[in-house]
């Protein structure tokens, strides 16, 4: 994911947006093996994190693009 940091930085600065990036299981530094059920669970976990904690980090839910 590190090679994307320049793109994330440009998006953050040029578009004034926050970015949440993560590795699905079995990709990048994540453990496990990728499969459809696991990937859905990973996506749901990230969505729950945004719903529960996003505003704590100053992320306006009205501006989320999912």
PDB file of N, CA and C in Angstrom:
ATOM      1  N   UNK A   1       0.817  -1.185   0.000  1.00  0.00           N
ATOM      2  CA  UNK A   1       0.000   0.000   0.000  1.00  0.00           C
ATOM      3  C   UNK A   1       0.868   1.258   0.000  1.00  0.00           C
ATOM      4  N   UNK A   2       2.098   1.121   0.416  1.00  0.00           N
ATOM      5  CA  UNK A   2       2.967   2.279   0.520  1.00  0.00           C
ATOM      6  C   UNK A   2       3.169   3.028  -0.779  1.00  0.00           C
ATOM      7  N   UNK A   3       3.140   2.322  -1.907  1.00  0.00           N
ATOM      8  CA  UNK A   3       3.346   3.004  -3.183  1.00  0.00           C
ATOM      9  C   UNK A   3       2.179   3.912  -3.536  1.00  0.00           C
ATOM     10  N   UNK A   4       1.065   3.794  -2.823  1.00  0.00           N
ATOM     11  CA  UNK A   4      -0.091   4.649  -3.065  1.00  0.00           C
ATOM     12  C   UNK A   4      -0.051   5.947  -2.246  1.00  0.00           C
ATOM     13  N   UNK A   5       0.890   6.087  -1.362  1.00  0.00           N
ATOM     14  CA  UNK A   5       0.915   7.243  -0.472  1.00  0.00           C
ATOM     15  C   UNK A   5       0.975   8.565  -1.222  1.00  0.00           C
ATOM     16  N   UNK A   6       1.723   8.618  -2.312  1.00  0.00           N
ATOM     17  CA  UNK A   6       1.774   9.852  -3.103  1.00  0.00           C
ATOM     18  C   UNK A   6       0.398  10.207  -3.663  1.00  0.00           C
ATOM     19  N   UNK A   7      -0.336   9.202  -4.127  1.00  0.00           N
ATOM     20  CA  UNK A   7      -1.683   9.434  -4.660  1.00  0.00           C
ATOM     21  C   UNK A   7      -2.607   9.888  -3.536  1.00  0.00           C
ATOM     22  N   UNK A   8      -2.541   9.226  -2.389  1.00  0.00           N
ATOM     23  CA  UNK A   8      -3.374   9.613  -1.247  1.00  0.00           C
ATOM     24  C   UNK A   8      -3.065  11.041  -0.812  1.00  0.00           C
ATOM     25  N   UNK A   9      -1.802  11.381  -0.765  1.00  0.00           N
ATOM     26  CA  UNK A   9      -1.395  12.733  -0.368  1.00  0.00           C
ATOM     27  C   UNK A   9      -1.943  13.775  -1.341  1.00  0.00           C
ATOM     28  N   UNK A  10      -1.859  13.483  -2.622  1.00  0.00           N
ATOM     29  CA  UNK A  10      -2.372  14.417  -3.633  1.00  0.00           C
ATOM     30  C   UNK A  10      -3.895  14.561  -3.496  1.00  0.00           C
ATOM     31  N   UNK A  11      -4.591  13.451  -3.300  1.00  0.00           N
ATOM     32  CA  UNK A  11      -6.044  13.513  -3.122  1.00  0.00           C
ATOM     33  C   UNK A  11      -6.391  14.333  -1.884  1.00  0.00           C
ATOM     34  N   UNK A  12      -5.673  14.095  -0.815  1.00  0.00           N
ATOM     35  CA  UNK A  12      -5.939  14.807   0.434  1.00  0.00           C
ATOM     36  C   UNK A  12      -5.751  16.308   0.249  1.00  0.00           C
ATOM     37  N   UNK A  13      -4.658  16.684  -0.388  1.00  0.00           N
ATOM     38  CA  UNK A  13      -4.349  18.105  -0.557  1.00  0.00           C
ATOM     39  C   UNK A  13      -5.173  18.777  -1.650  1.00  0.00           C
ATOM     40  N   UNK A  14      -5.321  18.133  -2.794  1.00  0.00           N
ATOM     41  CA  UNK A  14      -6.005  18.758  -3.927  1.00  0.00           C
ATOM     42  C   UNK A  14      -7.527  18.706  -3.804  1.00  0.00           C
ATOM     43  N   UNK A  15      -8.031  17.662  -3.183  1.00  0.00           N
ATOM     44  CA  UNK A  15      -9.482  17.477  -3.125  1.00  0.00           C
ATOM     45  C   UNK A  15     -10.039  17.703  -1.723  1.00  0.00           C
ATOM     46  N   UNK A  16      -9.152  17.998  -0.778  1.00  0.00           N
ATOM     47  CA  UNK A  16      -9.568  18.231   0.596  1.00  0.00           C
ATOM     48  C   UNK A  16     -10.444  17.095   1.111  1.00  0.00           C
ATOM     49  N   UNK A  17      -9.933  15.871   0.967  1.00  0.00           N
ATOM     50  CA  UNK A  17     -10.704  14.717   1.409  1.00  0.00           C
ATOM     51  C   UNK A  17      -9.864  13.851   2.344  1.00  0.00           C
ATOM     52  N   UNK A  18     -10.546  13.136   3.195  1.00  0.00           N
ATOM     53  CA  UNK A  18      -9.897  12.158   4.056  1.00  0.00           C
ATOM     54  C   UNK A  18      -9.930  10.810   3.357  1.00  0.00           C
ATOM     55  N   UNK A  19      -8.955   9.975   3.666  1.00  0.00           N
ATOM     56  CA  UNK A  19      -8.836   8.688   2.995  1.00  0.00           C
ATOM     57  C   UNK A  19      -8.620   7.603   4.033  1.00  0.00           C
ATOM     58  N   UNK A  20      -9.364   6.541   3.896  1.00  0.00           N
ATOM     59  CA  UNK A  20      -9.157   5.352   4.715  1.00  0.00           C
ATOM     60  C   UNK A  20      -8.771   4.227   3.775  1.00  0.00           C
ATOM     61  N   UNK A  21      -7.584   3.714   3.927  1.00  0.00           N
ATOM     62  CA  UNK A  21      -7.108   2.616   3.096  1.00  0.00           C
ATOM     63  C   UNK A  21      -6.747   1.454   4.011  1.00  0.00           C
ATOM     64  N   UNK A  22      -7.042   0.257   3.565  1.00  0.00           N
ATOM     65  CA  UNK A  22      -6.740  -0.918   4.376  1.00  0.00           C
ATOM     66  C   UNK A  22      -6.440  -2.099   3.462  1.00  0.00           C
ATOM     67  N   UNK A  23      -5.777  -3.081   4.003  1.00  0.00           N
ATOM     68  CA  UNK A  23      -5.489  -4.318   3.283  1.00  0.00           C
ATOM     69  C   UNK A  23      -6.534  -5.358   3.648  1.00  0.00           C
ATOM     70  N   UNK A  24      -7.178  -5.919   2.641  1.00  0.00           N
ATOM     71  CA  UNK A  24      -8.053  -7.064   2.882  1.00  0.00           C
ATOM     72  C   UNK A  24      -7.211  -8.242   3.343  1.00  0.00           C
ATOM     73  N   UNK A  25      -7.847  -9.191   4.000  1.00  0.00           N
ATOM     74  CA  UNK A  25      -7.119 -10.386   4.440  1.00  0.00           C
ATOM     75  C   UNK A  25      -6.416 -11.052   3.256  1.00  0.00           C
ATOM     76  N   UNK A  26      -5.174 -11.427   3.506  1.00  0.00           N
ATOM     77  CA  UNK A  26      -4.392 -12.088   2.481  1.00  0.00           C
ATOM     78  C   UNK A  26      -3.671 -11.148   1.536  1.00  0.00           C
ATOM     79  N   UNK A  27      -3.868  -9.852   1.664  1.00  0.00           N
ATOM     80  CA  UNK A  27      -3.206  -8.872   0.805  1.00  0.00           C
ATOM     81  C   UNK A  27      -2.334  -7.955   1.652  1.00  0.00           C
ATOM     82  N   UNK A  28      -1.299  -7.408   1.040  1.00  0.00           N
ATOM     83  CA  UNK A  28      -0.415  -6.489   1.756  1.00  0.00           C
ATOM     84  C   UNK A  28       0.165  -7.151   2.996  1.00  0.00           C
ATOM     85  N   UNK A  29       0.071  -6.461   4.121  1.00  0.00           N
ATOM     86  CA  UNK A  29       0.602  -6.988   5.376  1.00  0.00           C
ATOM     87  C   UNK A  29      -0.430  -7.747   6.194  1.00  0.00           C
ATOM     88  N   UNK A  30      -1.632  -7.944   5.640  1.00  0.00           N
ATOM     89  CA  UNK A  30      -2.676  -8.666   6.366  1.00  0.00           C
ATOM     90  C   UNK A  30      -2.447 -10.166   6.273  1.00  0.00           C
ATOM     91  N   UNK A  31      -2.829 -10.845   7.331  1.00  0.00           N
ATOM     92  CA  UNK A  31      -2.681 -12.301   7.330  1.00  0.00           C
ATOM     93  C   UNK A  31      -3.941 -12.938   6.762  1.00  0.00           C
ATOM     94  N   UNK A  32      -3.917 -14.242   6.641  1.00  0.00           N
ATOM     95  CA  UNK A  32      -5.078 -14.982   6.156  1.00  0.00           C
ATOM     96  C   UNK A  32      -5.035 -15.186   4.662  1.00  0.00           C
ATOM     97  N   UNK A  33      -6.090 -15.792   4.182  1.00  0.00           N
ATOM     98  CA  UNK A  33      -6.224 -16.058   2.754  1.00  0.00           C
ATOM     99  C   UNK A  33      -7.476 -15.376   2.231  1.00  0.00           C
ATOM    100  N   UNK A  34      -7.396 -14.766   1.068  1.00  0.00           N
ATOM    101  CA  UNK A  34      -8.570 -14.086   0.534  1.00  0.00           C
ATOM    102  C   UNK A  34      -9.637 -15.082   0.080  1.00  0.00           C
ATOM    103  N   UNK A  35     -10.863 -14.781   0.407  1.00  0.00           N
ATOM    104  CA  UNK A  35     -12.019 -15.515  -0.104  1.00  0.00           C
ATOM    105  C   UNK A  35     -13.206 -14.561  -0.033  1.00  0.00           C
ATOM    106  N   UNK A  36     -14.253 -14.867  -0.747  1.00  0.00           N
ATOM    107  CA  UNK A  36     -15.379 -13.932  -0.847  1.00  0.00           C
ATOM    108  C   UNK A  36     -15.989 -13.605   0.513  1.00  0.00           C
ATOM    109  N   UNK A  37     -16.231 -14.606   1.320  1.00  0.00           N
ATOM    110  CA  UNK A  37     -16.830 -14.379   2.638  1.00  0.00           C
ATOM    111  C   UNK A  37     -15.934 -13.505   3.511  1.00  0.00           C
ATOM    112  N   UNK A  38     -14.629 -13.777   3.510  1.00  0.00           N
ATOM    113  CA  UNK A  38     -13.693 -13.001   4.309  1.00  0.00           C
ATOM    114  C   UNK A  38     -13.581 -11.559   3.842  1.00  0.00           C
ATOM    115  N   UNK A  39     -13.569 -11.360   2.520  1.00  0.00           N
ATOM    116  CA  UNK A  39     -13.478 -10.003   1.982  1.00  0.00           C
ATOM    117  C   UNK A  39     -14.714  -9.191   2.354  1.00  0.00           C
ATOM    118  N   UNK A  40     -15.886  -9.818   2.335  1.00  0.00           N
ATOM    119  CA  UNK A  40     -17.109  -9.126   2.752  1.00  0.00           C
ATOM    120  C   UNK A  40     -17.036  -8.757   4.225  1.00  0.00           C
ATOM    121  N   UNK A  41     -16.530  -9.664   5.048  1.00  0.00           N
ATOM    122  CA  UNK A  41     -16.385  -9.374   6.486  1.00  0.00           C
ATOM    123  C   UNK A  41     -15.422  -8.211   6.708  1.00  0.00           C
ATOM    124  N   UNK A  42     -14.333  -8.184   5.954  1.00  0.00           N
ATOM    125  CA  UNK A  42     -13.364  -7.092   6.085  1.00  0.00           C
ATOM    126  C   UNK A  42     -14.001  -5.755   5.723  1.00  0.00           C
ATOM    127  N   UNK A  43     -14.731  -5.726   4.614  1.00  0.00           N
ATOM    128  CA  UNK A  43     -15.389  -4.488   4.183  1.00  0.00           C
ATOM    129  C   UNK A  43     -16.427  -4.043   5.215  1.00  0.00           C
ATOM    130  N   UNK A  44     -17.185  -4.984   5.751  1.00  0.00           N
ATOM    131  CA  UNK A  44     -18.185  -4.646   6.770  1.00  0.00           C
ATOM    132  C   UNK A  44     -17.522  -4.106   8.036  1.00  0.00           C
ATOM    133  N   UNK A  45     -16.375  -4.664   8.411  1.00  0.00           N
ATOM    134  CA  UNK A  45     -15.660  -4.188   9.604  1.00  0.00           C
ATOM    135  C   UNK A  45     -15.176  -2.757   9.419  1.00  0.00           C
ATOM    136  N   UNK A  46     -14.671  -2.437   8.246  1.00  0.00           N
ATOM    137  CA  UNK A  46     -14.211  -1.081   7.976  1.00  0.00           C
ATOM    138  C   UNK A  46     -15.402  -0.119   7.966  1.00  0.00           C
ATOM    139  N   UNK A  47     -16.506  -0.532   7.386  1.00  0.00           N
ATOM    140  CA  UNK A  47     -17.708   0.302   7.381  1.00  0.00           C
ATOM    141  C   UNK A  47     -18.183   0.567   8.811  1.00  0.00           C
ATOM    142  N   UNK A  48     -18.214  -0.465   9.646  1.00  0.00           N
ATOM    143  CA  UNK A  48     -18.605  -0.287  11.050  1.00  0.00           C
ATOM    144  C   UNK A  48     -17.671   0.676  11.759  1.00  0.00           C
ATOM    145  N   UNK A  49     -16.373   0.559  11.500  1.00  0.00           N
ATOM    146  CA  UNK A  49     -15.400   1.467  12.096  1.00  0.00           C
ATOM    147  C   UNK A  49     -15.726   2.911  11.727  1.00  0.00           C
ATOM    148  N   UNK A  50     -16.012   3.167  10.458  1.00  0.00           N
ATOM    149  CA  UNK A  50     -16.381   4.517  10.034  1.00  0.00           C
ATOM    150  C   UNK A  50     -17.646   4.989  10.735  1.00  0.00           C
ATOM    151  N   UNK A  51     -18.645   4.128  10.809  1.00  0.00           N
ATOM    152  CA  UNK A  51     -19.920   4.512  11.418  1.00  0.00           C
ATOM    153  C   UNK A  51     -19.763   4.797  12.911  1.00  0.00           C
ATOM    154  N   UNK A  52     -18.928   4.020  13.590  1.00  0.00           N
ATOM    155  CA  UNK A  52     -18.788   4.154  15.037  1.00  0.00           C
ATOM    156  C   UNK A  52     -17.756   5.198  15.448  1.00  0.00           C
ATOM    157  N   UNK A  53     -16.696   5.351  14.680  1.00  0.00           N
ATOM    158  CA  UNK A  53     -15.579   6.188  15.105  1.00  0.00           C
ATOM    159  C   UNK A  53     -15.277   7.364  14.184  1.00  0.00           C
ATOM    160  N   UNK A  54     -15.873   7.397  13.013  1.00  0.00           N
ATOM    161  CA  UNK A  54     -15.529   8.418  12.021  1.00  0.00           C
ATOM    162  C   UNK A  54     -15.641   9.835  12.536  1.00  0.00           C
ATOM    163  N   UNK A  55     -16.732  10.139  13.216  1.00  0.00           N
ATOM    164  CA  UNK A  55     -16.917  11.509  13.693  1.00  0.00           C
ATOM    165  C   UNK A  55     -15.927  11.862  14.796  1.00  0.00           C
ATOM    166  N   UNK A  56     -15.431  10.860  15.521  1.00  0.00           N
ATOM    167  CA  UNK A  56     -14.407  11.121  16.545  1.00  0.00           C
ATOM    168  C   UNK A  56     -13.134  11.671  15.923  1.00  0.00           C
ATOM    169  N   UNK A  57     -12.920  11.338  14.658  1.00  0.00           N
ATOM    170  CA  UNK A  57     -11.727  11.794  13.956  1.00  0.00           C
ATOM    171  C   UNK A  57     -12.023  13.000  13.060  1.00  0.00           C
ATOM    172  N   UNK A  58     -13.193  13.601  13.251  1.00  0.00           N
ATOM    173  CA  UNK A  58     -13.535  14.795  12.490  1.00  0.00           C
ATOM    174  C   UNK A  58     -13.994  14.533  11.074  1.00  0.00           C
ATOM    175  N   UNK A  59     -14.422  13.317  10.804  1.00  0.00           N
ATOM    176  CA  UNK A  59     -14.890  12.973   9.467  1.00  0.00           C
ATOM    177  C   UNK A  59     -16.404  13.138   9.425  1.00  0.00           C
ATOM    178  N   UNK A  60     -16.877  14.070   8.609  1.00  0.00           N
ATOM    179  CA  UNK A  60     -18.296  14.379   8.497  1.00  0.00           C
ATOM    180  C   UNK A  60     -19.003  13.279   7.698  1.00  0.00           C
ATOM    181  N   UNK A  61     -19.930  12.529   8.318  1.00  0.00           N
ATOM    182  CA  UNK A  61     -20.592  11.437   7.611  1.00  0.00           C
ATOM    183  C   UNK A  61     -21.378  11.890   6.377  1.00  0.00           C
ATOM    184  N   UNK A  62     -21.780  13.146   6.323  1.00  0.00           N
ATOM    185  CA  UNK A  62     -22.485  13.652   5.152  1.00  0.00           C
ATOM    186  C   UNK A  62     -21.572  13.789   3.938  1.00  0.00           C
ATOM    187  N   UNK A  63     -20.284  13.678   4.158  1.00  0.00           N
ATOM    188  CA  UNK A  63     -19.320  13.827   3.062  1.00  0.00           C
ATOM    189  C   UNK A  63     -18.624  12.508   2.722  1.00  0.00           C
ATOM    190  N   UNK A  64     -19.139  11.420   3.237  1.00  0.00           N
ATOM    191  CA  UNK A  64     -18.515  10.135   2.961  1.00  0.00           C
ATOM    192  C   UNK A  64     -18.867   9.657   1.569  1.00  0.00           C
ATOM    193  N   UNK A  65     -17.906   9.099   0.894  1.00  0.00           N
ATOM    194  CA  UNK A  65     -18.100   8.453  -0.383  1.00  0.00           C
ATOM    195  C   UNK A  65     -17.665   7.013  -0.209  1.00  0.00           C
ATOM    196  N   UNK A  66     -18.627   6.144  -0.203  1.00  0.00           N
ATOM    197  CA  UNK A  66     -18.329   4.716   0.050  1.00  0.00           C
ATOM    198  C   UNK A  66     -18.456   3.921  -1.220  1.00  0.00           C
TER     199      UNK A  66
END
